[in-house]
Amino acid sequence: MEVKRVDVTPEACEIIEKLKKEHGELLFNQSGGCCDGTAPMCYAKDDFYVPSRNVKLGEICGCEFFIDKDQFEYFKHSHITIDVKKETAFGNSFSLEIDLGYQFLTISRIFTDEEYRNLEDAK
């Protein structure tokens, strides 16, 4: 069975689907720090230029998910799950879900040996 590098919780997928209805096609970029910490950032697809150095980890809810090449070096042995939480500090993020009162977050864990051997991009 192929293993994905990135997955999404049902709760986060529900918010993504709401955002798709409002903004159309979306994409995600795992923030590497600075203003938004290391949160996954959700953008309308036409509003974010994906740098050529970024790595595509996969897709969640039909949306491409990218991470910076250098940051990928830290996450390459990790499975990432995108979840969501209620957020009351509006305006502190460039990510689209903040206007709905939520914030996406990254939960990571190390792959098992078997998962690592079955990664979808390892073949």
PDB file of N, CA and C in Angstrom:
ATOM      1  N   MET A   1       0.837  -1.182   0.000  1.00  0.00           N
ATOM      2  CA  MET A   1       0.000   0.000   0.000  1.00  0.00           C
ATOM      3  C   MET A   1       0.884   1.248   0.000  1.00  0.00           C
ATOM      4  N   GLU A   2       0.600   2.167  -0.922  1.00  0.00           N
ATOM      5  CA  GLU A   2       1.356   3.412  -0.979  1.00  0.00           C
ATOM      6  C   GLU A   2       1.010   4.312   0.207  1.00  0.00           C
ATOM      7  N   VAL A   3       2.022   4.969   0.722  1.00  0.00           N
ATOM      8  CA  VAL A   3       1.876   5.862   1.864  1.00  0.00           C
ATOM      9  C   VAL A   3       2.056   7.293   1.379  1.00  0.00           C
ATOM     10  N   LYS A   4       1.183   8.171   1.831  1.00  0.00           N
ATOM     11  CA  LYS A   4       1.268   9.588   1.472  1.00  0.00           C
ATOM     12  C   LYS A   4       2.110  10.334   2.499  1.00  0.00           C
ATOM     13  N   ARG A   5       2.759  11.390   2.040  1.00  0.00           N
ATOM     14  CA  ARG A   5       3.533  12.236   2.950  1.00  0.00           C
ATOM     15  C   ARG A   5       2.646  13.197   3.735  1.00  0.00           C
ATOM     16  N   VAL A   6       1.511  13.571   3.140  1.00  0.00           N
ATOM     17  CA  VAL A   6       0.628  14.547   3.776  1.00  0.00           C
ATOM     18  C   VAL A   6      -0.805  14.043   3.709  1.00  0.00           C
ATOM     19  N   ASP A   7      -1.524  14.256   4.793  1.00  0.00           N
ATOM     20  CA  ASP A   7      -2.922  13.861   4.896  1.00  0.00           C
ATOM     21  C   ASP A   7      -3.682  14.978   5.607  1.00  0.00           C
ATOM     22  N   VAL A   8      -4.972  14.802   5.768  1.00  0.00           N
ATOM     23  CA  VAL A   8      -5.815  15.850   6.344  1.00  0.00           C
ATOM     24  C   VAL A   8      -6.896  15.210   7.204  1.00  0.00           C
ATOM     25  N   THR A   9      -7.251  15.883   8.291  1.00  0.00           N
ATOM     26  CA  THR A   9      -8.345  15.382   9.129  1.00  0.00           C
ATOM     27  C   THR A   9      -9.684  15.734   8.473  1.00  0.00           C
ATOM     28  N   PRO A  10     -10.737  15.008   8.811  1.00  0.00           N
ATOM     29  CA  PRO A  10     -12.066  15.350   8.273  1.00  0.00           C
ATOM     30  C   PRO A  10     -12.491  16.778   8.629  1.00  0.00           C
ATOM     31  N   GLU A  11     -12.136  17.234   9.818  1.00  0.00           N
ATOM     32  CA  GLU A  11     -12.497  18.594  10.235  1.00  0.00           C
ATOM     33  C   GLU A  11     -11.806  19.639   9.361  1.00  0.00           C
ATOM     34  N   ALA A  12     -10.535  19.427   9.088  1.00  0.00           N
ATOM     35  CA  ALA A  12      -9.801  20.366   8.234  1.00  0.00           C
ATOM     36  C   ALA A  12     -10.328  20.317   6.800  1.00  0.00           C
ATOM     37  N   CYS A  13     -10.678  19.126   6.337  1.00  0.00           N
ATOM     38  CA  CYS A  13     -11.205  18.988   4.975  1.00  0.00           C
ATOM     39  C   CYS A  13     -12.528  19.744   4.829  1.00  0.00           C
ATOM     40  N   GLU A  14     -13.335  19.737   5.870  1.00  0.00           N
ATOM     41  CA  GLU A  14     -14.603  20.472   5.855  1.00  0.00           C
ATOM     42  C   GLU A  14     -14.353  21.974   5.656  1.00  0.00           C
ATOM     43  N   ILE A  15     -13.369  22.511   6.359  1.00  0.00           N
ATOM     44  CA  ILE A  15     -13.032  23.935   6.211  1.00  0.00           C
ATOM     45  C   ILE A  15     -12.458  24.201   4.819  1.00  0.00           C
ATOM     46  N   ILE A  16     -11.629  23.300   4.320  1.00  0.00           N
ATOM     47  CA  ILE A  16     -11.065  23.451   2.978  1.00  0.00           C
ATOM     48  C   ILE A  16     -12.178  23.506   1.935  1.00  0.00           C
ATOM     49  N   GLU A  17     -13.158  22.637   2.067  1.00  0.00           N
ATOM     50  CA  GLU A  17     -14.273  22.620   1.109  1.00  0.00           C
ATOM     51  C   GLU A  17     -15.062  23.932   1.161  1.00  0.00           C
ATOM     52  N   LYS A  18     -15.252  24.492   2.345  1.00  0.00           N
ATOM     53  CA  LYS A  18     -15.915  25.802   2.463  1.00  0.00           C
ATOM     54  C   LYS A  18     -15.096  26.879   1.744  1.00  0.00           C
ATOM     55  N   LEU A  19     -13.794  26.841   1.948  1.00  0.00           N
ATOM     56  CA  LEU A  19     -12.922  27.829   1.313  1.00  0.00           C
ATOM     57  C   LEU A  19     -12.908  27.687  -0.198  1.00  0.00           C
ATOM     58  N   LYS A  20     -12.970  26.457  -0.695  1.00  0.00           N
ATOM     59  CA  LYS A  20     -13.003  26.229  -2.140  1.00  0.00           C
ATOM     60  C   LYS A  20     -14.266  26.819  -2.756  1.00  0.00           C
ATOM     61  N   LYS A  21     -15.383  26.714  -2.044  1.00  0.00           N
ATOM     62  CA  LYS A  21     -16.637  27.293  -2.545  1.00  0.00           C
ATOM     63  C   LYS A  21     -16.533  28.810  -2.653  1.00  0.00           C
ATOM     64  N   GLU A  22     -15.823  29.410  -1.722  1.00  0.00           N
ATOM     65  CA  GLU A  22     -15.702  30.870  -1.695  1.00  0.00           C
ATOM     66  C   GLU A  22     -14.586  31.397  -2.601  1.00  0.00           C
ATOM     67  N   HIS A  23     -13.459  30.673  -2.677  1.00  0.00           N
ATOM     68  CA  HIS A  23     -12.271  31.195  -3.358  1.00  0.00           C
ATOM     69  C   HIS A  23     -11.864  30.419  -4.607  1.00  0.00           C
ATOM     70  N   GLY A  24     -12.522  29.317  -4.907  1.00  0.00           N
ATOM     71  CA  GLY A  24     -12.118  28.501  -6.058  1.00  0.00           C
ATOM     72  C   GLY A  24     -10.965  27.585  -5.700  1.00  0.00           C
ATOM     73  N   GLU A  25     -10.114  27.308  -6.699  1.00  0.00           N
ATOM     74  CA  GLU A  25      -8.983  26.408  -6.467  1.00  0.00           C
ATOM     75  C   GLU A  25      -8.035  26.985  -5.422  1.00  0.00           C
ATOM     76  N   LEU A  26      -7.540  26.093  -4.556  1.00  0.00           N
ATOM     77  CA  LEU A  26      -6.641  26.488  -3.479  1.00  0.00           C
ATOM     78  C   LEU A  26      -5.332  25.731  -3.584  1.00  0.00           C
ATOM     79  N   LEU A  27      -4.327  26.238  -2.872  1.00  0.00           N
ATOM     80  CA  LEU A  27      -3.097  25.482  -2.664  1.00  0.00           C
ATOM     81  C   LEU A  27      -2.590  25.772  -1.267  1.00  0.00           C
ATOM     82  N   PHE A  28      -1.741  24.878  -0.786  1.00  0.00           N
ATOM     83  CA  PHE A  28      -1.145  25.014   0.542  1.00  0.00           C
ATOM     84  C   PHE A  28       0.357  25.094   0.414  1.00  0.00           C
ATOM     85  N   ASN A  29       0.953  25.896   1.296  1.00  0.00           N
ATOM     86  CA  ASN A  29       2.398  25.976   1.405  1.00  0.00           C
ATOM     87  C   ASN A  29       2.738  25.932   2.893  1.00  0.00           C
ATOM     88  N   GLN A  30       3.595  25.006   3.266  1.00  0.00           N
ATOM     89  CA  GLN A  30       4.011  24.904   4.665  1.00  0.00           C
ATOM     90  C   GLN A  30       4.948  26.063   4.961  1.00  0.00           C
ATOM     91  N   SER A  31       4.507  26.974   5.819  1.00  0.00           N
ATOM     92  CA  SER A  31       5.313  28.139   6.152  1.00  0.00           C
ATOM     93  C   SER A  31       6.557  27.702   6.915  1.00  0.00           C
ATOM     94  N   GLY A  32       7.667  28.346   6.614  1.00  0.00           N
ATOM     95  CA  GLY A  32       8.927  28.002   7.260  1.00  0.00           C
ATOM     96  C   GLY A  32       9.274  28.889   8.430  1.00  0.00           C
ATOM     97  N   GLY A  33       8.359  29.733   8.841  1.00  0.00           N
ATOM     98  CA  GLY A  33       8.647  30.600   9.968  1.00  0.00           C
ATOM     99  C   GLY A  33       8.265  32.027   9.678  1.00  0.00           C
ATOM    100  N   CYS A  34       8.979  32.948  10.281  1.00  0.00           N
ATOM    101  CA  CYS A  34       8.730  34.371  10.135  1.00  0.00           C
ATOM    102  C   CYS A  34       7.364  34.732  10.719  1.00  0.00           C
ATOM    103  N   CYS A  35       6.550  35.434   9.970  1.00  0.00           N
ATOM    104  CA  CYS A  35       5.286  35.983  10.479  1.00  0.00           C
ATOM    105  C   CYS A  35       4.294  34.929  10.960  1.00  0.00           C
ATOM    106  N   ASP A  36       4.202  33.825  10.258  1.00  0.00           N
ATOM    107  CA  ASP A  36       3.185  32.824  10.569  1.00  0.00           C
ATOM    108  C   ASP A  36       3.740  31.577  11.226  1.00  0.00           C
ATOM    109  N   GLY A  37       4.918  31.633  11.791  1.00  0.00           N
ATOM    110  CA  GLY A  37       5.480  30.450  12.426  1.00  0.00           C
ATOM    111  C   GLY A  37       5.669  29.351  11.399  1.00  0.00           C
ATOM    112  N   THR A  38       5.305  28.151  11.758  1.00  0.00           N
ATOM    113  CA  THR A  38       5.435  27.026  10.834  1.00  0.00           C
ATOM    114  C   THR A  38       4.072  26.454  10.491  1.00  0.00           C
ATOM    115  N   ALA A  39       3.097  27.304  10.336  1.00  0.00           N
ATOM    116  CA  ALA A  39       1.735  26.883  10.030  1.00  0.00           C
ATOM    117  C   ALA A  39       1.578  26.587   8.545  1.00  0.00           C
ATOM    118  N   PRO A  40       0.687  25.661   8.205  1.00  0.00           N
ATOM    119  CA  PRO A  40       0.354  25.478   6.793  1.00  0.00           C
ATOM    120  C   PRO A  40      -0.485  26.664   6.330  1.00  0.00           C
ATOM    121  N   MET A  41      -0.116  27.227   5.201  1.00  0.00           N
ATOM    122  CA  MET A  41      -0.793  28.409   4.696  1.00  0.00           C
ATOM    123  C   MET A  41      -1.665  28.039   3.505  1.00  0.00           C
ATOM    124  N   CYS A  42      -2.910  28.491   3.517  1.00  0.00           N
ATOM    125  CA  CYS A  42      -3.861  28.212   2.450  1.00  0.00           C
ATOM    126  C   CYS A  42      -4.096  29.484   1.648  1.00  0.00           C
ATOM    127  N   TYR A  43      -3.928  29.361   0.323  1.00  0.00           N
ATOM    128  CA  TYR A  43      -4.090  30.504  -0.569  1.00  0.00           C
ATOM    129  C   TYR A  43      -4.994  30.138  -1.741  1.00  0.00           C
ATOM    130  N   ALA A  44      -5.657  31.139  -2.308  1.00  0.00           N
ATOM    131  CA  ALA A  44      -6.297  30.932  -3.604  1.00  0.00           C
ATOM    132  C   ALA A  44      -5.167  30.619  -4.583  1.00  0.00           C
ATOM    133  N   LYS A  45      -5.383  29.648  -5.452  1.00  0.00           N
ATOM    134  CA  LYS A  45      -4.296  29.163  -6.318  1.00  0.00           C
ATOM    135  C   LYS A  45      -3.643  30.282  -7.130  1.00  0.00           C
ATOM    136  N   ASP A  46      -4.417  31.242  -7.585  1.00  0.00           N
ATOM    137  CA  ASP A  46      -3.863  32.329  -8.396  1.00  0.00           C
ATOM    138  C   ASP A  46      -3.215  33.441  -7.567  1.00  0.00           C
ATOM    139  N   ASP A  47      -3.316  33.351  -6.240  1.00  0.00           N
ATOM    140  CA  ASP A  47      -2.778  34.404  -5.377  1.00  0.00           C
ATOM    141  C   ASP A  47      -1.419  34.071  -4.778  1.00  0.00           C
ATOM    142  N   PHE A  48      -0.873  32.910  -5.105  1.00  0.00           N
ATOM    143  CA  PHE A  48       0.417  32.523  -4.524  1.00  0.00           C
ATOM    144  C   PHE A  48       1.312  31.935  -5.602  1.00  0.00           C
ATOM    145  N   TYR A  49       2.479  32.509  -5.738  1.00  0.00           N
ATOM    146  CA  TYR A  49       3.477  31.987  -6.661  1.00  0.00           C
ATOM    147  C   TYR A  49       4.296  30.941  -5.905  1.00  0.00           C
ATOM    148  N   VAL A  50       4.279  29.711  -6.380  1.00  0.00           N
ATOM    149  CA  VAL A  50       5.048  28.642  -5.743  1.00  0.00           C
ATOM    150  C   VAL A  50       6.488  28.719  -6.257  1.00  0.00           C
ATOM    151  N   PRO A  51       7.431  29.005  -5.373  1.00  0.00           N
ATOM    152  CA  PRO A  51       8.828  29.078  -5.807  1.00  0.00           C
ATOM    153  C   PRO A  51       9.296  27.745  -6.404  1.00  0.00           C
ATOM    154  N   SER A  52      10.154  27.815  -7.404  1.00  0.00           N
ATOM    155  CA  SER A  52      10.625  26.605  -8.072  1.00  0.00           C
ATOM    156  C   SER A  52      11.422  25.703  -7.143  1.00  0.00           C
ATOM    157  N   ARG A  53      11.924  26.230  -6.055  1.00  0.00           N
ATOM    158  CA  ARG A  53      12.691  25.427  -5.096  1.00  0.00           C
ATOM    159  C   ARG A  53      11.790  24.627  -4.153  1.00  0.00           C
ATOM    160  N   ASN A  54      10.487  24.872  -4.198  1.00  0.00           N
ATOM    161  CA  ASN A  54       9.598  24.153  -3.304  1.00  0.00           C
ATOM    162  C   ASN A  54       9.337  22.732  -3.794  1.00  0.00           C
ATOM    163  N   VAL A  55       9.044  21.852  -2.855  1.00  0.00           N
ATOM    164  CA  VAL A  55       8.774  20.447  -3.112  1.00  0.00           C
ATOM    165  C   VAL A  55       7.279  20.213  -2.917  1.00  0.00           C
ATOM    166  N   LYS A  56       6.665  19.509  -3.854  1.00  0.00           N
ATOM    167  CA  LYS A  56       5.258  19.139  -3.689  1.00  0.00           C
ATOM    168  C   LYS A  56       5.200  17.877  -2.842  1.00  0.00           C
ATOM    169  N   LEU A  57       4.574  17.991  -1.653  1.00  0.00           N
ATOM    170  CA  LEU A  57       4.436  16.834  -0.768  1.00  0.00           C
ATOM    171  C   LEU A  57       3.295  15.928  -1.186  1.00  0.00           C
ATOM    172  N   GLY A  58       2.288  16.499  -1.816  1.00  0.00           N
ATOM    173  CA  GLY A  58       1.117  15.727  -2.213  1.00  0.00           C
ATOM    174  C   GLY A  58      -0.068  16.653  -2.357  1.00  0.00           C
ATOM    175  N   GLU A  59      -1.253  16.087  -2.127  1.00  0.00           N
ATOM    176  CA  GLU A  59      -2.488  16.868  -2.197  1.00  0.00           C
ATOM    177  C   GLU A  59      -3.377  16.524  -1.008  1.00  0.00           C
ATOM    178  N   ILE A  60      -4.124  17.530  -0.564  1.00  0.00           N
ATOM    179  CA  ILE A  60      -5.145  17.322   0.460  1.00  0.00           C
ATOM    180  C   ILE A  60      -6.447  17.925  -0.060  1.00  0.00           C
ATOM    181  N   CYS A  61      -7.491  17.151  -0.035  1.00  0.00           N
ATOM    182  CA  CYS A  61      -8.807  17.597  -0.512  1.00  0.00           C
ATOM    183  C   CYS A  61      -8.718  18.192  -1.922  1.00  0.00           C
ATOM    184  N   GLY A  62      -7.875  17.624  -2.760  1.00  0.00           N
ATOM    185  CA  GLY A  62      -7.730  18.105  -4.126  1.00  0.00           C
ATOM    186  C   GLY A  62      -6.879  19.349  -4.274  1.00  0.00           C
ATOM    187  N   CYS A  63      -6.178  19.755  -3.224  1.00  0.00           N
ATOM    188  CA  CYS A  63      -5.334  20.951  -3.247  1.00  0.00           C
ATOM    189  C   CYS A  63      -3.866  20.546  -3.116  1.00  0.00           C
ATOM    190  N   GLU A  64      -3.024  21.096  -3.999  1.00  0.00           N
ATOM    191  CA  GLU A  64      -1.596  20.807  -3.919  1.00  0.00           C
ATOM    192  C   GLU A  64      -1.016  21.365  -2.617  1.00  0.00           C
ATOM    193  N   PHE A  65      -0.040  20.633  -2.065  1.00  0.00           N
ATOM    194  CA  PHE A  65       0.599  21.012  -0.808  1.00  0.00           C
ATOM    195  C   PHE A  65       2.106  21.040  -1.020  1.00  0.00           C
ATOM    196  N   PHE A  66       2.726  22.215  -0.776  1.00  0.00           N
ATOM    197  CA  PHE A  66       4.154  22.434  -1.024  1.00  0.00           C
ATOM    198  C   PHE A  66       4.904  22.764   0.263  1.00  0.00           C
ATOM    199  N   ILE A  67       6.212  22.547   0.192  1.00  0.00           N
ATOM    200  CA  ILE A  67       7.100  22.898   1.296  1.00  0.00           C
ATOM    201  C   ILE A  67       8.444  23.317   0.699  1.00  0.00           C
ATOM    202  N   ASP A  68       9.115  24.250   1.338  1.00  0.00           N
ATOM    203  CA  ASP A  68      10.430  24.685   0.888  1.00  0.00           C
ATOM    204  C   ASP A  68      11.406  23.505   0.891  1.00  0.00           C
ATOM    205  N   LYS A  69      12.287  23.478  -0.102  1.00  0.00           N
ATOM    206  CA  LYS A  69      13.241  22.379  -0.266  1.00  0.00           C
ATOM    207  C   LYS A  69      14.083  22.166   0.991  1.00  0.00           C
ATOM    208  N   ASP A  70      14.585  23.240   1.586  1.00  0.00           N
ATOM    209  CA  ASP A  70      15.408  23.106   2.793  1.00  0.00           C
ATOM    210  C   ASP A  70      14.590  22.614   3.976  1.00  0.00           C
ATOM    211  N   GLN A  71      13.367  23.097   4.094  1.00  0.00           N
ATOM    212  CA  GLN A  71      12.500  22.643   5.180  1.00  0.00           C
ATOM    213  C   GLN A  71      12.117  21.176   4.981  1.00  0.00           C
ATOM    214  N   PHE A  72      11.974  20.765   3.722  1.00  0.00           N
ATOM    215  CA  PHE A  72      11.662  19.372   3.434  1.00  0.00           C
ATOM    216  C   PHE A  72      12.727  18.437   4.009  1.00  0.00           C
ATOM    217  N   GLU A  73      13.974  18.883   4.026  1.00  0.00           N
ATOM    218  CA  GLU A  73      15.045  18.060   4.588  1.00  0.00           C
ATOM    219  C   GLU A  73      14.750  17.689   6.045  1.00  0.00           C
ATOM    220  N   TYR A  74      14.077  18.570   6.774  1.00  0.00           N
ATOM    221  CA  TYR A  74      13.718  18.275   8.158  1.00  0.00           C
ATOM    222  C   TYR A  74      12.477  17.386   8.251  1.00  0.00           C
ATOM    223  N   PHE A  75      11.604  17.467   7.239  1.00  0.00           N
ATOM    224  CA  PHE A  75      10.336  16.742   7.263  1.00  0.00           C
ATOM    225  C   PHE A  75      10.336  15.466   6.412  1.00  0.00           C
ATOM    226  N   LYS A  76      11.423  15.162   5.716  1.00  0.00           N
ATOM    227  CA  LYS A  76      11.384  14.059   4.753  1.00  0.00           C
ATOM    228  C   LYS A  76      11.156  12.692   5.397  1.00  0.00           C
ATOM    229  N   HIS A  77      11.397  12.579   6.673  1.00  0.00           N
ATOM    230  CA  HIS A  77      11.159  11.315   7.375  1.00  0.00           C
ATOM    231  C   HIS A  77       9.853  11.351   8.174  1.00  0.00           C
ATOM    232  N   SER A  78       9.047  12.366   7.908  1.00  0.00           N
ATOM    233  CA  SER A  78       7.830  12.587   8.708  1.00  0.00           C
ATOM    234  C   SER A  78       6.568  12.518   7.869  1.00  0.00           C
ATOM    235  N   HIS A  79       5.533  11.981   8.486  1.00  0.00           N
ATOM    236  CA  HIS A  79       4.183  12.052   7.924  1.00  0.00           C
ATOM    237  C   HIS A  79       3.543  13.303   8.509  1.00  0.00           C
ATOM    238  N   ILE A  80       2.910  14.093   7.667  1.00  0.00           N
ATOM    239  CA  ILE A  80       2.270  15.334   8.099  1.00  0.00           C
ATOM    240  C   ILE A  80       0.760  15.184   7.970  1.00  0.00           C
ATOM    241  N   THR A  81       0.064  15.555   9.029  1.00  0.00           N
ATOM    242  CA  THR A  81      -1.393  15.617   8.998  1.00  0.00           C
ATOM    243  C   THR A  81      -1.793  17.063   9.228  1.00  0.00           C
ATOM    244  N   ILE A  82      -2.649  17.580   8.354  1.00  0.00           N
ATOM    245  CA  ILE A  82      -3.153  18.942   8.506  1.00  0.00           C
ATOM    246  C   ILE A  82      -4.465  18.869   9.265  1.00  0.00           C
ATOM    247  N   ASP A  83      -4.522  19.604  10.360  1.00  0.00           N
ATOM    248  CA  ASP A  83      -5.709  19.676  11.200  1.00  0.00           C
ATOM    249  C   ASP A  83      -6.135  21.136  11.275  1.00  0.00           C
ATOM    250  N   VAL A  84      -7.172  21.413  12.038  1.00  0.00           N
ATOM    251  CA  VAL A  84      -7.682  22.772  12.167  1.00  0.00           C
ATOM    252  C   VAL A  84      -8.119  23.005  13.605  1.00  0.00           C
ATOM    253  N   LYS A  85      -8.005  24.244  14.057  1.00  0.00           N
ATOM    254  CA  LYS A  85      -8.489  24.618  15.390  1.00  0.00           C
ATOM    255  C   LYS A  85      -9.209  25.949  15.287  1.00  0.00           C
ATOM    256  N   LYS A  86     -10.085  26.203  16.239  1.00  0.00           N
ATOM    257  CA  LYS A  86     -10.732  27.511  16.334  1.00  0.00           C
ATOM    258  C   LYS A  86      -9.670  28.549  16.646  1.00  0.00           C
ATOM    259  N   GLU A  87      -9.785  29.713  16.027  1.00  0.00           N
ATOM    260  CA  GLU A  87      -8.809  30.780  16.240  1.00  0.00           C
ATOM    261  C   GLU A  87      -9.553  32.089  16.464  1.00  0.00           C
ATOM    262  N   THR A  88      -9.243  32.759  17.571  1.00  0.00           N
ATOM    263  CA  THR A  88      -9.942  34.002  17.894  1.00  0.00           C
ATOM    264  C   THR A  88      -9.114  35.242  17.597  1.00  0.00           C
ATOM    265  N   ALA A  89      -7.835  35.085  17.329  1.00  0.00           N
ATOM    266  CA  ALA A  89      -6.958  36.229  17.048  1.00  0.00           C
ATOM    267  C   ALA A  89      -6.984  36.529  15.556  1.00  0.00           C
ATOM    268  N   PHE A  90      -8.072  37.099  15.091  1.00  0.00           N
ATOM    269  CA  PHE A  90      -8.234  37.379  13.661  1.00  0.00           C
ATOM    270  C   PHE A  90      -7.175  38.348  13.165  1.00  0.00           C
ATOM    271  N   GLY A  91      -6.796  38.162  11.908  1.00  0.00           N
ATOM    272  CA  GLY A  91      -5.882  39.095  11.271  1.00  0.00           C
ATOM    273  C   GLY A  91      -4.415  38.810  11.502  1.00  0.00           C
ATOM    274  N   ASN A  92      -4.073  37.720  12.205  1.00  0.00           N
ATOM    275  CA  ASN A  92      -2.661  37.461  12.449  1.00  0.00           C
ATOM    276  C   ASN A  92      -2.087  36.439  11.475  1.00  0.00           C
ATOM    277  N   SER A  93      -2.758  36.234  10.355  1.00  0.00           N
ATOM    278  CA  SER A  93      -2.284  35.268   9.378  1.00  0.00           C
ATOM    279  C   SER A  93      -2.705  35.699   7.975  1.00  0.00           C
ATOM    280  N   PHE A  94      -1.911  35.286   6.987  1.00  0.00           N
ATOM    281  CA  PHE A  94      -2.264  35.523   5.593  1.00  0.00           C
ATOM    282  C   PHE A  94      -3.096  34.383   5.025  1.00  0.00           C
ATOM    283  N   SER A  95      -3.270  33.318   5.800  1.00  0.00           N
ATOM    284  CA  SER A  95      -3.973  32.129   5.335  1.00  0.00           C
ATOM    285  C   SER A  95      -5.487  32.370   5.327  1.00  0.00           C
ATOM    286  N   LEU A  96      -6.164  31.831   4.325  1.00  0.00           N
ATOM    287  CA  LEU A  96      -7.587  32.128   4.100  1.00  0.00           C
ATOM    288  C   LEU A  96      -8.521  31.706   5.223  1.00  0.00           C
ATOM    289  N   GLU A  97      -8.227  30.627   5.920  1.00  0.00           N
ATOM    290  CA  GLU A  97      -9.166  30.108   6.920  1.00  0.00           C
ATOM    291  C   GLU A  97      -9.336  31.025   8.129  1.00  0.00           C
ATOM    292  N   ILE A  98      -8.412  31.944   8.330  1.00  0.00           N
ATOM    293  CA  ILE A  98      -8.473  32.821   9.495  1.00  0.00           C
ATOM    294  C   ILE A  98      -9.751  33.655   9.492  1.00  0.00           C
ATOM    295  N   ASP A  99     -10.243  34.019   8.299  1.00  0.00           N
ATOM    296  CA  ASP A  99     -11.474  34.810   8.208  1.00  0.00           C
ATOM    297  C   ASP A  99     -12.715  34.010   8.617  1.00  0.00           C
ATOM    298  N   LEU A 100     -12.606  32.686   8.617  1.00  0.00           N
ATOM    299  CA  LEU A 100     -13.720  31.838   9.081  1.00  0.00           C
ATOM    300  C   LEU A 100     -13.619  31.536  10.577  1.00  0.00           C
ATOM    301  N   GLY A 101     -12.545  32.029  11.209  1.00  0.00           N
ATOM    302  CA  GLY A 101     -12.362  31.790  12.640  1.00  0.00           C
ATOM    303  C   GLY A 101     -11.621  30.502  12.947  1.00  0.00           C
ATOM    304  N   TYR A 102     -10.775  30.058  12.010  1.00  0.00           N
ATOM    305  CA  TYR A 102     -10.006  28.825  12.190  1.00  0.00           C
ATOM    306  C   TYR A 102      -8.551  29.055  11.831  1.00  0.00           C
ATOM    307  N   GLN A 103      -7.714  28.115  12.238  1.00  0.00           N
ATOM    308  CA  GLN A 103      -6.324  28.109  11.809  1.00  0.00           C
ATOM    309  C   GLN A 103      -5.908  26.666  11.537  1.00  0.00           C
ATOM    310  N   PHE A 104      -5.307  26.450  10.367  1.00  0.00           N
ATOM    311  CA  PHE A 104      -4.767  25.129  10.063  1.00  0.00           C
ATOM    312  C   PHE A 104      -3.487  24.927  10.856  1.00  0.00           C
ATOM    313  N   LEU A 105      -3.220  23.691  11.246  1.00  0.00           N
ATOM    314  CA  LEU A 105      -1.987  23.367  11.932  1.00  0.00           C
ATOM    315  C   LEU A 105      -1.414  22.064  11.420  1.00  0.00           C
ATOM    316  N   THR A 106      -0.128  21.933  11.608  1.00  0.00           N
ATOM    317  CA  THR A 106       0.614  20.767  11.138  1.00  0.00           C
ATOM    318  C   THR A 106       0.906  19.856  12.313  1.00  0.00           C
ATOM    319  N   ILE A 107       0.546  18.586  12.158  1.00  0.00           N
ATOM    320  CA  ILE A 107       0.895  17.559  13.136  1.00  0.00           C
ATOM    321  C   ILE A 107       1.814  16.583  12.406  1.00  0.00           C
ATOM    322  N   SER A 108       2.980  16.357  12.956  1.00  0.00           N
ATOM    323  CA  SER A 108       3.909  15.459  12.271  1.00  0.00           C
ATOM    324  C   SER A 108       4.343  14.327  13.190  1.00  0.00           C
ATOM    325  N   ARG A 109       4.712  13.236  12.547  1.00  0.00           N
ATOM    326  CA  ARG A 109       5.266  12.083  13.247  1.00  0.00           C
ATOM    327  C   ARG A 109       6.243  11.405  12.296  1.00  0.00           C
ATOM    328  N   ILE A 110       7.172  10.673  12.846  1.00  0.00           N
ATOM    329  CA  ILE A 110       8.158   9.957  12.042  1.00  0.00           C
ATOM    330  C   ILE A 110       7.489   8.745  11.392  1.00  0.00           C
ATOM    331  N   PHE A 111       7.817   8.497  10.114  1.00  0.00           N
ATOM    332  CA  PHE A 111       7.314   7.308   9.431  1.00  0.00           C
ATOM    333  C   PHE A 111       7.851   6.049  10.105  1.00  0.00           C
ATOM    334  N   THR A 112       7.062   4.997  10.085  1.00  0.00           N
ATOM    335  CA  THR A 112       7.589   3.688  10.476  1.00  0.00           C
ATOM    336  C   THR A 112       8.488   3.209   9.337  1.00  0.00           C
ATOM    337  N   ASP A 113       9.296   2.204   9.586  1.00  0.00           N
ATOM    338  CA  ASP A 113      10.163   1.660   8.533  1.00  0.00           C
ATOM    339  C   ASP A 113       9.329   1.168   7.356  1.00  0.00           C
ATOM    340  N   GLU A 114       8.220   0.496   7.649  1.00  0.00           N
ATOM    341  CA  GLU A 114       7.363  -0.023   6.580  1.00  0.00           C
ATOM    342  C   GLU A 114       6.747   1.116   5.768  1.00  0.00           C
ATOM    343  N   GLU A 115       6.256   2.154   6.447  1.00  0.00           N
ATOM    344  CA  GLU A 115       5.694   3.306   5.738  1.00  0.00           C
ATOM    345  C   GLU A 115       6.753   3.953   4.846  1.00  0.00           C
ATOM    346  N   TYR A 116       7.949   4.110   5.360  1.00  0.00           N
ATOM    347  CA  TYR A 116       9.016   4.759   4.602  1.00  0.00           C
ATOM    348  C   TYR A 116       9.327   3.984   3.319  1.00  0.00           C
ATOM    349  N   ARG A 117       9.305   2.656   3.402  1.00  0.00           N
ATOM    350  CA  ARG A 117       9.555   1.823   2.222  1.00  0.00           C
ATOM    351  C   ARG A 117       8.421   1.945   1.197  1.00  0.00           C
ATOM    352  N   ASN A 118       7.223   2.300   1.658  1.00  0.00           N
ATOM    353  CA  ASN A 118       6.049   2.354   0.776  1.00  0.00           C
ATOM    354  C   ASN A 118       5.607   3.762   0.418  1.00  0.00           C
ATOM    355  N   LEU A 119       6.467   4.736   0.602  1.00  0.00           N
ATOM    356  CA  LEU A 119       6.105   6.110   0.222  1.00  0.00           C
ATOM    357  C   LEU A 119       5.754   6.176  -1.251  1.00  0.00           C
ATOM    358  N   GLU A 120       4.697   6.926  -1.575  1.00  0.00           N
ATOM    359  CA  GLU A 120       4.245   7.002  -2.970  1.00  0.00           C
ATOM    360  C   GLU A 120       5.286   7.619  -3.886  1.00  0.00           C
ATOM    361  N   ASP A 121       6.152   8.497  -3.363  1.00  0.00           N
ATOM    362  CA  ASP A 121       7.149   9.128  -4.226  1.00  0.00           C
ATOM    363  C   ASP A 121       8.487   8.387  -4.219  1.00  0.00           C
ATOM    364  N   ALA A 122       8.563   7.265  -3.510  1.00  0.00           N
ATOM    365  CA  ALA A 122       9.811   6.515  -3.439  1.00  0.00           C
ATOM    366  C   ALA A 122       9.923   5.485  -4.559  1.00  0.00           C
ATOM    367  N   LYS A 123       8.919   5.396  -5.393  1.00  0.00           N
ATOM    368  CA  LYS A 123       8.914   4.369  -6.429  1.00  0.00           C
ATOM    369  C   LYS A 123       9.236   4.910  -7.787  1.00  0.00           C
TER     370      LYS A 123
END
